[in-house]
């Protein structure tokens, strides 16, 4: 079974989570056979470790990790690779597929530009 983890920074504000959960819902609609989970670096739960453990416990053998960060700062460049290495060590039979941060994807950059100029 395959899974997708949407990995974001996290916030104490419960309203902050709405867009992340909306993306998860859209992913589930597009891939009904995949498991989808949100995970957070800090200030929210579940953590990446906890989300992955739940997916592994559910029988997932392939986990795609999508960093939901617009900017590629320290969290994406340094923290996430270390966290992924730890997960690979903990779960050697699981295939982890880390993707680049969404903020690097040209389609998202084009969409944000379209939103900025819409109606101009």
Protein backbone atom coordinates (compact mmCIF):
# COMPACT_ATOMS: atom_id res chain seq x y z
CA UNK A 1 0.00 0.00 0.00
CA UNK A 2 1.21 3.50 -0.84
CA UNK A 3 0.92 6.64 1.26
CA UNK A 4 1.43 10.37 0.89
CA UNK A 5 2.46 12.53 3.83
CA UNK A 6 1.91 16.26 3.53
CA UNK A 7 4.61 17.66 5.79
CA UNK A 8 4.20 21.24 7.01
CA UNK A 9 5.61 23.50 9.69
CA UNK A 10 2.65 23.50 12.07
CA UNK A 11 0.93 26.15 14.18
CA UNK A 12 -0.92 26.49 17.44
CA UNK A 13 -3.75 28.21 15.55
CA UNK A 14 -6.31 25.57 14.54
CA UNK A 15 -7.41 27.66 11.54
CA UNK A 16 -3.87 27.41 10.12
CA UNK A 17 -4.47 23.69 9.48
CA UNK A 18 -7.48 24.15 7.20
CA UNK A 19 -5.58 24.58 3.91
CA UNK A 20 -3.40 21.55 4.69
CA UNK A 21 -6.44 19.43 5.44
CA UNK A 22 -8.11 20.71 2.25
CA UNK A 23 -5.10 19.59 0.22
CA UNK A 24 -5.21 16.17 1.93
CA UNK A 25 -8.88 15.84 1.01
CA UNK A 26 -8.14 16.71 -2.61
CA UNK A 27 -5.32 14.15 -2.73
CA UNK A 28 -7.63 11.48 -1.30
CA UNK A 29 -10.21 12.29 -3.98
CA UNK A 30 -7.60 11.89 -6.72
CA UNK A 31 -6.02 8.76 -5.27
CA UNK A 32 -8.71 6.86 -3.35
CA UNK A 33 -6.45 3.81 -2.87
CA UNK A 34 -3.63 5.77 -1.25
CA UNK A 35 -3.41 6.65 2.41
CA UNK A 36 -2.96 10.38 3.01
CA UNK A 37 -1.71 11.96 6.21
CA UNK A 38 -0.71 15.41 7.37
CA UNK A 39 2.35 15.72 9.59
CA UNK A 40 4.00 18.67 11.24
CA UNK A 41 7.48 19.78 12.23
CA UNK A 42 6.39 21.55 15.40
CA UNK A 43 3.49 23.15 17.27
CA UNK A 44 1.00 20.60 15.88
CA UNK A 45 0.45 16.90 15.77
CA UNK A 46 1.02 14.37 14.48
CA UNK A 47 4.75 14.60 14.06
CA UNK A 48 6.33 13.09 10.96
CA UNK A 49 7.50 10.10 13.03
CA UNK A 50 4.00 9.50 14.41
CA UNK A 51 2.28 9.88 11.04
CA UNK A 52 4.71 7.47 9.37
CA UNK A 53 4.34 4.95 12.20
CA UNK A 54 0.55 5.01 11.78
CA UNK A 55 0.94 4.42 8.04
CA UNK A 56 3.42 1.59 8.54
CA UNK A 57 1.10 0.02 11.13
CA UNK A 58 -1.69 0.23 8.53
CA UNK A 59 0.43 -1.75 6.06
CA UNK A 60 1.94 0.98 3.91
CA UNK A 61 5.24 0.03 2.30
CA UNK A 62 5.87 3.15 0.19
CA UNK A 63 5.68 6.63 1.71
CA UNK A 64 5.93 9.77 -0.40
CA UNK A 65 6.80 12.84 1.70
CA UNK A 66 5.71 16.18 0.27
CA UNK A 67 7.23 19.22 2.01
CA UNK A 68 4.44 21.81 2.03
CA UNK A 69 6.85 24.74 2.30
CA UNK A 70 6.93 27.70 -0.07
CA UNK A 71 10.47 28.66 0.80
CA UNK A 72 13.37 26.27 1.00
CA UNK A 73 14.91 27.27 4.29
CA UNK A 74 16.68 25.39 7.05
CA UNK A 75 13.72 23.14 7.80
CA UNK A 76 13.66 21.75 4.25
CA UNK A 77 17.42 21.80 3.62
CA UNK A 78 18.61 20.45 6.97
CA UNK A 79 15.87 19.30 9.34
CA UNK A 80 13.81 17.20 6.94
CA UNK A 81 16.72 15.19 5.45
CA UNK A 82 17.82 14.24 8.96
CA UNK A 83 14.29 13.25 9.91
CA UNK A 84 13.95 11.15 6.75
CA UNK A 85 17.26 9.42 7.41
CA UNK A 86 16.07 8.55 10.90
CA UNK A 87 12.80 7.16 9.48
CA UNK A 88 14.71 5.07 6.93
CA UNK A 89 16.84 3.65 9.74
CA UNK A 90 13.74 2.86 11.84
CA UNK A 91 11.84 1.34 8.89
CA UNK A 92 14.39 -0.27 6.57
CA UNK A 93 11.73 -2.19 4.62
CA UNK A 94 9.75 0.94 3.77
CA UNK A 95 10.45 2.90 0.58
CA UNK A 96 10.58 6.62 1.31
CA UNK A 97 10.13 9.00 -1.60
CA UNK A 98 10.91 12.58 -0.61
CA UNK A 99 9.74 15.23 -3.06
CA UNK A 100 11.10 18.76 -3.41
CA UNK A 101 9.27 21.49 -1.49
CA UNK A 102 6.06 22.55 -3.21
CA UNK A 103 7.39 26.11 -3.44
CA UNK A 104 9.96 24.89 -5.95
CA UNK A 105 7.38 23.38 -8.32
CA UNK A 106 6.93 25.49 -11.48
CA UNK A 107 3.20 24.74 -11.64
CA UNK A 108 2.67 26.22 -8.18
CA UNK A 109 4.77 29.24 -9.02
CA UNK A 110 2.69 29.78 -12.18
CA UNK A 111 -0.55 29.40 -10.20
CA UNK A 112 0.55 31.96 -7.61
CA UNK A 113 1.46 34.39 -10.40
CA UNK A 114 -1.96 33.81 -11.99
CA UNK A 115 -3.68 34.54 -8.69
CA UNK A 116 -1.64 37.76 -8.31
CA UNK A 117 -2.61 39.09 -11.74
CA UNK A 118 -6.18 37.80 -11.88
CA UNK A 119 -8.60 40.60 -12.74
CA UNK A 120 -5.84 43.13 -13.29
